[in-house]
């Protein structure tokens, strides 16, 4: 058998070790050093120019966001059930009640009709998770008049009607986990679109101190001024992230090519056998974060994954319904609450997609898919 094709492989630009060594040979290994500033500026440019605070993960960025906006026990937050656990957990940690909404069957993004049915006088925010980097219907969500928060873990370089994802609402979060388009192993960022929140965000990220103001020469010493935590990544990780961001144009072009080949060359097969391909709404530009498809039944999905595995191709399912998880049930979730999510969790699979897939490997994946009859 030919060499196996993994589901994911972190892309290397060739500069990661060079910049990490530069950081290591310097004396600033802690957070907020020269590479932190360099990477933050690059991320800021990608999301429309808002201030960006790097964090140790997207999970921590979400936790910082929930702390920054003061969520508490009197608040309800609407999130999609079809997302990673970090999305609701950040708000639950602050004591807020998580309310799970269903997703649209075409995009697997929040379904505005499901959201509308869950709004109460206690609803404090709607969390838009841009699944696979394809924008939620942000106009429909904004029309409810309730603040929209973006969990943009999948969507760096994506757009909605000409604006970068991550630039909507007061704040947004990003992920640089090694499964993402831009990665430093573990990492994330808080995008502070409302600049009135920036100073407090800096304080909370720096253990509740005003150290950022001290470093800028705005005060002659720093002290404890709020209850925060430590969310700063080291400058060594920021160096790796800098290399990734500076090489993003090439890696993004490679990912788009793979995505487009899957979409175009599998279209006839998918239509013939009744397999769903991703849907791109008008106005949504995606960053080729993942390529998912859906068969009709759980049994078909299991047979398909086994079919690919037997040919040395790594494919994967994705999220399980959070409203049916042990914690989700404690928030009032019940079978049937989010039927699209429940079916998608059992029928969706994802194909390998990363910048270093060769043409021959993509040929193998496509050939293997075309061999399968659901």
Protein backbone atom coordinates (compact mmCIF):
# COMPACT_ATOMS: atom_id res chain seq x y z
CA UNK A 1 0.00 0.00 0.00
CA UNK A 2 1.17 3.54 -0.71
CA UNK A 3 2.13 5.71 2.21
CA UNK A 4 -0.85 6.72 4.31
CA UNK A 5 -2.37 10.17 4.00
CA UNK A 6 -3.09 11.63 7.44
CA UNK A 7 -6.21 13.64 8.09
CA UNK A 8 -4.15 16.65 9.17
CA UNK A 9 -0.53 17.71 9.09
CA UNK A 10 0.71 21.11 10.34
CA UNK A 11 2.18 23.15 7.52
CA UNK A 12 5.75 24.42 7.87
CA UNK A 13 6.81 27.53 6.01
CA UNK A 14 10.51 26.81 6.61
CA UNK A 15 10.92 29.88 8.82
CA UNK A 16 9.48 28.56 12.09
CA UNK A 17 12.78 27.16 13.41
CA UNK A 18 14.69 30.25 12.26
CA UNK A 19 12.44 32.68 14.10
CA UNK A 20 12.06 30.43 17.15
CA UNK A 21 15.85 30.24 17.39
CA UNK A 22 16.01 34.01 17.14
CA UNK A 23 13.57 34.23 20.03
CA UNK A 24 15.48 31.65 22.04
CA UNK A 25 18.80 33.42 21.59
CA UNK A 26 17.24 36.65 22.79
CA UNK A 27 16.45 37.48 26.37
CA UNK A 28 12.69 37.93 26.03
CA UNK A 29 11.08 34.48 26.26
CA UNK A 30 7.99 35.60 28.17
CA UNK A 31 4.87 37.10 26.62
CA UNK A 32 4.46 40.47 24.94
CA UNK A 33 7.92 40.54 23.38
CA UNK A 34 8.99 41.56 19.88
CA UNK A 35 7.50 38.51 18.18
CA UNK A 36 4.24 38.93 20.05
CA UNK A 37 4.01 42.46 18.68
CA UNK A 38 4.98 41.32 15.18
CA UNK A 39 2.43 38.48 15.09
CA UNK A 40 -0.30 40.63 16.65
CA UNK A 41 0.16 43.27 13.94
CA UNK A 42 -0.17 40.64 11.21
CA UNK A 43 -3.34 39.20 12.75
CA UNK A 44 -4.76 42.68 13.23
CA UNK A 45 -4.24 43.45 9.55
CA UNK A 46 -6.07 40.24 8.64
CA UNK A 47 -9.15 41.13 10.71
CA UNK A 48 -9.56 44.72 9.62
CA UNK A 49 -7.15 46.56 11.90
CA UNK A 50 -8.67 46.01 15.34
CA UNK A 51 -6.32 45.51 18.31
CA UNK A 52 -5.38 41.85 18.86
CA UNK A 53 -4.27 40.24 22.11
CA UNK A 54 -2.57 36.87 21.65
CA UNK A 55 -3.56 34.14 24.11
CA UNK A 56 -2.41 30.63 24.89
CA UNK A 57 -5.45 29.11 23.14
CA UNK A 58 -8.79 30.02 21.62
CA UNK A 59 -10.32 28.49 24.75
CA UNK A 60 -8.48 31.06 26.84
CA UNK A 61 -9.50 33.82 24.44
CA UNK A 62 -13.14 32.83 24.96
CA UNK A 63 -12.68 32.71 28.73
CA UNK A 64 -11.04 36.13 28.64
CA UNK A 65 -13.91 37.43 26.53
CA UNK A 66 -16.53 36.14 28.98
CA UNK A 67 -14.64 37.69 31.88
CA UNK A 68 -14.16 40.97 29.99
CA UNK A 69 -17.85 41.35 29.16
CA UNK A 70 -18.92 40.45 32.69
CA UNK A 71 -21.13 37.44 32.05
CA UNK A 72 -22.74 35.99 35.16
CA UNK A 73 -25.60 33.95 36.60
CA UNK A 74 -28.30 36.38 35.43
CA UNK A 75 -27.31 35.92 31.78
CA UNK A 76 -28.25 33.48 29.03
CA UNK A 77 -25.98 32.91 26.04
CA UNK A 78 -27.19 31.25 22.83
CA UNK A 79 -24.60 29.00 21.19
CA UNK A 80 -24.82 26.35 18.47
CA UNK A 81 -25.01 22.79 19.74
CA UNK A 82 -22.75 21.86 16.81
CA UNK A 83 -19.48 23.35 18.06
CA UNK A 84 -16.47 22.55 20.22
CA UNK A 85 -16.97 22.44 23.98
CA UNK A 86 -14.85 25.57 24.54
CA UNK A 87 -17.58 27.77 23.07
CA UNK A 88 -20.20 27.20 25.79
CA UNK A 89 -17.73 26.33 28.55
CA UNK A 90 -16.27 29.84 28.63
CA UNK A 91 -19.66 31.30 29.57
CA UNK A 92 -20.64 28.45 31.87
CA UNK A 93 -17.45 29.12 33.84
CA UNK A 94 -18.81 32.60 34.61
CA UNK A 95 -22.11 31.11 35.81
CA UNK A 96 -24.13 32.03 32.72
CA UNK A 97 -26.83 29.70 31.43
CA UNK A 98 -25.97 28.18 28.06
CA UNK A 99 -28.86 27.82 25.61
CA UNK A 100 -28.22 25.51 22.66
CA UNK A 101 -29.63 26.37 19.23
CA UNK A 102 -29.75 24.27 16.09
CA UNK A 103 -27.84 24.85 12.87
CA UNK A 104 -28.81 25.41 9.26
CA UNK A 105 -28.69 22.12 7.28
CA UNK A 106 -26.79 23.69 4.39
CA UNK A 107 -24.00 25.55 6.23
CA UNK A 108 -24.09 23.97 9.72
CA UNK A 109 -24.00 27.52 11.08
CA UNK A 110 -26.52 28.92 13.56
CA UNK A 111 -30.05 28.79 12.20
CA UNK A 112 -31.60 32.23 12.83
CA UNK A 113 -35.06 30.64 13.22
CA UNK A 114 -33.77 28.37 15.97
CA UNK A 115 -32.09 31.33 17.64
CA UNK A 116 -35.30 33.37 17.51
CA UNK A 117 -37.20 30.63 19.32
CA UNK A 118 -34.68 30.67 22.18
CA UNK A 119 -34.41 34.38 22.90
CA UNK A 120 -35.69 35.49 26.31
CA UNK A 121 -35.39 38.73 28.30
CA UNK A 122 -32.24 37.22 29.86
CA UNK A 123 -30.47 36.61 26.55
CA UNK A 124 -27.22 38.56 26.75
CA UNK A 125 -25.39 37.37 23.63
CA UNK A 126 -25.51 35.16 20.55
CA UNK A 127 -22.27 33.34 19.73
CA UNK A 128 -21.69 32.93 16.00
CA UNK A 129 -19.37 30.03 15.22
CA UNK A 130 -18.30 30.21 11.57
CA UNK A 131 -18.25 26.50 10.81
CA UNK A 132 -15.48 25.49 8.40
CA UNK A 133 -14.68 29.19 8.04
CA UNK A 134 -17.93 29.90 6.18
CA UNK A 135 -19.66 32.96 7.61
CA UNK A 136 -22.84 32.74 9.62
CA UNK A 137 -25.69 34.91 8.41
CA UNK A 138 -24.42 37.81 10.47
CA UNK A 139 -27.06 40.18 9.16
CA UNK A 140 -29.90 37.93 10.32
CA UNK A 141 -28.28 37.41 13.72
CA UNK A 142 -27.62 41.13 14.19
CA UNK A 143 -31.27 41.89 13.39
CA UNK A 144 -32.30 40.42 16.75
CA UNK A 145 -30.74 43.45 18.45
CA UNK A 146 -28.70 41.26 20.81
CA UNK A 147 -24.88 41.48 20.83
CA UNK A 148 -23.23 38.93 18.54
CA UNK A 149 -19.90 37.41 19.56
CA UNK A 150 -17.75 35.64 16.97
CA UNK A 151 -16.05 32.37 17.77
CA UNK A 152 -13.88 32.56 14.67
CA UNK A 153 -11.66 29.56 15.40
CA UNK A 154 -12.13 28.29 11.83
CA UNK A 155 -12.42 31.54 9.95
CA UNK A 156 -9.22 33.58 9.85
CA UNK A 157 -9.03 35.05 6.29
CA UNK A 158 -12.74 34.39 5.71
CA UNK A 159 -15.11 37.22 4.84
CA UNK A 160 -18.78 38.15 4.99
CA UNK A 161 -19.89 40.64 2.34
CA UNK A 162 -16.43 42.11 1.97
CA UNK A 163 -15.60 42.37 5.68
CA UNK A 164 -13.18 40.04 7.44
CA UNK A 165 -14.62 37.50 9.82
CA UNK A 166 -13.58 38.54 13.30
CA UNK A 167 -14.41 42.19 12.64
CA UNK A 168 -18.09 42.00 13.63
CA UNK A 169 -19.41 42.74 17.09
CA UNK A 170 -17.52 43.96 20.13
CA UNK A 171 -15.05 41.09 20.33
CA UNK A 172 -14.05 37.90 18.50
CA UNK A 173 -11.72 34.97 19.09
CA UNK A 174 -9.26 33.08 16.92
CA UNK A 175 -7.44 29.74 17.16
CA UNK A 176 -3.88 28.81 16.24
CA UNK A 177 -4.16 25.15 17.26
CA UNK A 178 -2.15 22.85 15.01
CA UNK A 179 -5.31 21.75 13.20
CA UNK A 180 -5.93 25.32 12.00
CA UNK A 181 -4.76 27.06 8.83
CA UNK A 182 -2.29 29.16 10.84
CA UNK A 183 -0.80 27.33 13.81
CA UNK A 184 1.79 27.51 16.56
CA UNK A 185 0.87 24.24 18.26
CA UNK A 186 -1.47 25.83 20.79
CA UNK A 187 -2.50 29.45 20.64
CA UNK A 188 -5.32 31.90 20.13
CA UNK A 189 -6.23 35.57 20.09
CA UNK A 190 -8.85 38.01 21.28
CA UNK A 191 -9.86 40.60 18.69
CA UNK A 192 -11.04 43.77 20.44
CA UNK A 193 -13.23 45.58 17.93
CA UNK A 194 -14.65 47.86 20.62
CA UNK A 195 -11.56 49.83 21.58
CA UNK A 196 -13.21 51.06 24.76
CA UNK A 197 -12.68 47.50 26.05
CA UNK A 198 -8.99 47.32 25.20
CA UNK A 199 -7.42 48.61 28.40
CA UNK A 200 -9.55 46.34 30.56
CA UNK A 201 -8.80 43.37 28.27
CA UNK A 202 -5.07 44.04 28.68
CA UNK A 203 -5.47 44.16 32.46
CA UNK A 204 -7.44 40.91 32.67
CA UNK A 205 -4.98 39.12 30.37
CA UNK A 206 -2.06 40.31 32.57
CA UNK A 207 -3.25 38.71 35.82
CA UNK A 208 -5.40 41.73 36.64
CA UNK A 209 -2.51 44.20 36.64
CA UNK A 210 -1.94 47.39 34.69
CA UNK A 211 1.44 46.14 33.48
CA UNK A 212 0.65 47.04 29.84
CA UNK A 213 0.32 50.70 30.81
CA UNK A 214 3.59 50.47 32.74
CA UNK A 215 5.41 49.02 29.71
CA UNK A 216 4.11 51.90 27.60
CA UNK A 217 5.41 54.40 30.15
CA UNK A 218 1.95 55.57 31.13
CA UNK A 219 2.48 54.79 34.84
CA UNK A 220 5.71 54.56 36.84
CA UNK A 221 4.79 51.20 38.41
CA UNK A 222 2.11 48.59 38.01
CA UNK A 223 -0.17 46.96 40.53
CA UNK A 224 -3.18 44.69 40.93
CA UNK A 225 -6.26 46.56 39.72
CA UNK A 226 -8.79 43.83 38.77
CA UNK A 227 -9.32 40.09 39.10
CA UNK A 228 -7.80 38.52 35.98
CA UNK A 229 -5.57 35.64 34.98
CA UNK A 230 -2.53 34.83 32.85
CA UNK A 231 -3.39 34.27 29.21
CA UNK A 232 -0.15 35.37 27.52
CA UNK A 233 1.73 32.96 25.24
CA UNK A 234 5.50 33.02 25.32
CA UNK A 235 7.37 35.01 22.70
CA UNK A 236 8.84 31.72 21.46
CA UNK A 237 5.39 30.54 20.40
CA UNK A 238 4.74 33.97 18.92
CA UNK A 239 7.87 33.54 16.80
CA UNK A 240 6.46 30.33 15.32
CA UNK A 241 3.16 32.11 14.74
CA UNK A 242 4.97 34.98 13.02
CA UNK A 243 6.55 32.57 10.55
CA UNK A 244 3.15 31.04 9.83
CA UNK A 245 1.49 34.40 9.28
CA UNK A 246 4.27 35.72 7.07
CA UNK A 247 3.92 32.62 4.88
CA UNK A 248 0.13 32.65 4.85
CA UNK A 249 -0.35 33.68 1.23
CA UNK A 250 1.33 30.53 -0.09
CA UNK A 251 -0.29 28.15 2.38
CA UNK A 252 -3.73 29.64 1.81
CA UNK A 253 -3.37 29.30 -1.96
CA UNK A 254 -2.43 25.64 -1.55
CA UNK A 255 -5.40 24.94 0.73
CA UNK A 256 -7.81 26.67 -1.65
CA UNK A 257 -6.56 24.53 -4.52
CA UNK A 258 -7.20 21.31 -2.58
CA UNK A 259 -10.66 22.50 -1.48
CA UNK A 260 -11.63 23.46 -4.99
CA UNK A 261 -10.49 20.14 -6.46
CA UNK A 262 -12.58 18.22 -3.93
CA UNK A 263 -15.60 20.41 -4.57
CA UNK A 264 -15.42 20.30 -8.36
CA UNK A 265 -14.26 16.73 -8.96
CA UNK A 266 -16.65 15.13 -6.47
CA UNK A 267 -19.73 17.12 -7.50
CA UNK A 268 -21.13 14.69 -10.06
CA UNK A 269 -20.59 11.70 -7.75
CA UNK A 270 -22.13 13.51 -4.79
CA UNK A 271 -25.21 14.47 -6.76
CA UNK A 272 -25.63 10.95 -8.13
CA UNK A 273 -25.38 9.13 -4.77
CA UNK A 274 -27.08 11.74 -2.59
CA UNK A 275 -24.07 13.04 -0.64
CA UNK A 276 -24.19 16.66 0.54
CA UNK A 277 -21.32 19.01 -0.25
CA UNK A 278 -20.56 22.31 1.52
CA UNK A 279 -22.79 25.25 0.66
CA UNK A 280 -21.32 28.72 0.20
CA UNK A 281 -23.92 31.48 0.75
CA UNK A 282 -23.75 34.62 -1.36
CA UNK A 283 -21.35 37.04 0.30
CA UNK A 284 -19.33 34.38 2.15
CA UNK A 285 -15.67 33.89 1.26
CA UNK A 286 -14.10 30.97 3.08
CA UNK A 287 -10.43 30.25 3.99
CA UNK A 288 -10.50 26.55 2.97
CA UNK A 289 -10.30 25.43 6.57
CA UNK A 290 -11.95 22.05 6.03
CA UNK A 291 -13.82 20.02 3.47
CA UNK A 292 -16.84 18.21 4.86
CA UNK A 293 -19.50 16.06 3.26
CA UNK A 294 -22.62 14.33 4.60
CA UNK A 295 -24.08 10.95 3.77
CA UNK A 296 -27.67 10.08 4.61
CA UNK A 297 -27.32 7.61 7.48
CA UNK A 298 -24.89 6.84 10.33
CA UNK A 299 -24.26 3.40 8.87
CA UNK A 300 -23.16 4.88 5.57
CA UNK A 301 -20.76 7.17 7.39
CA UNK A 302 -19.16 4.29 9.29
CA UNK A 303 -18.75 2.28 6.08
CA UNK A 304 -17.27 5.26 4.30
CA UNK A 305 -14.68 5.97 7.01
CA UNK A 306 -13.70 2.29 7.00
CA UNK A 307 -13.46 2.38 3.20
CA UNK A 308 -10.99 5.28 3.32
CA UNK A 309 -9.03 3.83 6.23
CA UNK A 310 -8.51 0.59 4.30
CA UNK A 311 -6.89 2.68 1.57
CA UNK A 312 -4.59 4.51 3.96
CA UNK A 313 -6.56 7.74 3.96
CA UNK A 314 -7.32 9.54 7.19
CA UNK A 315 -10.80 11.00 7.39
CA UNK A 316 -12.74 12.07 10.45
CA UNK A 317 -16.19 12.80 11.79
CA UNK A 318 -16.65 15.96 13.86
CA UNK A 319 -18.65 17.48 16.71
CA UNK A 320 -21.13 15.56 18.81
CA UNK A 321 -24.33 17.38 19.91
CA UNK A 322 -23.47 19.42 22.98
CA UNK A 323 -27.09 19.67 24.08
CA UNK A 324 -27.01 15.87 24.56
CA UNK A 325 -23.68 15.81 26.40
CA UNK A 326 -23.56 15.16 30.13
CA UNK A 327 -23.19 18.87 30.84
CA UNK A 328 -25.61 19.89 28.09
CA UNK A 329 -28.34 17.78 29.65
CA UNK A 330 -27.82 19.66 32.91
CA UNK A 331 -28.54 22.87 31.00
CA UNK A 332 -31.86 21.38 29.90
CA UNK A 333 -30.89 19.76 26.61
CA UNK A 334 -33.08 16.92 25.35
CA UNK A 335 -33.18 14.58 22.38
CA UNK A 336 -34.92 16.28 19.48
CA UNK A 337 -34.09 19.84 20.56
CA UNK A 338 -31.63 20.31 17.68
CA UNK A 339 -32.52 17.73 15.01
CA UNK A 340 -30.18 19.05 12.32
CA UNK A 341 -27.25 18.92 14.73
CA UNK A 342 -28.19 15.42 15.85
CA UNK A 343 -28.26 14.09 12.29
CA UNK A 344 -25.17 16.01 11.14
CA UNK A 345 -23.14 14.60 14.02
CA UNK A 346 -23.91 11.08 12.77
CA UNK A 347 -23.52 11.63 9.03
CA UNK A 348 -20.74 14.18 8.47
CA UNK A 349 -17.17 13.30 7.54
CA UNK A 350 -14.16 15.44 6.71
CA UNK A 351 -11.51 14.75 4.07
CA UNK A 352 -7.78 15.46 4.51
CA UNK A 353 -7.06 19.11 3.83
CA UNK A 354 -3.76 20.82 4.52
CA UNK A 355 -1.30 22.92 2.55
CA UNK A 356 1.25 20.15 1.97
CA UNK A 357 -1.07 17.65 0.28
CA UNK A 358 0.47 16.78 -3.06
CA UNK A 359 -1.42 16.54 -6.34
CA UNK A 360 -0.89 12.77 -6.27
CA UNK A 361 -2.32 12.53 -2.75
CA UNK A 362 -5.37 14.56 -3.70
CA UNK A 363 -5.79 12.27 -6.71
CA UNK A 364 -5.77 9.27 -4.34
CA UNK A 365 -8.35 10.79 -2.02
CA UNK A 366 -10.67 11.69 -4.86
CA UNK A 367 -10.30 8.26 -6.48
CA UNK A 368 -11.07 6.53 -3.17
CA UNK A 369 -14.19 8.65 -2.63
CA UNK A 370 -15.42 7.96 -6.15
CA UNK A 371 -15.07 4.22 -5.54
CA UNK A 372 -17.56 4.31 -2.67
CA UNK A 373 -21.26 3.70 -3.07
CA UNK A 374 -23.27 4.74 0.01
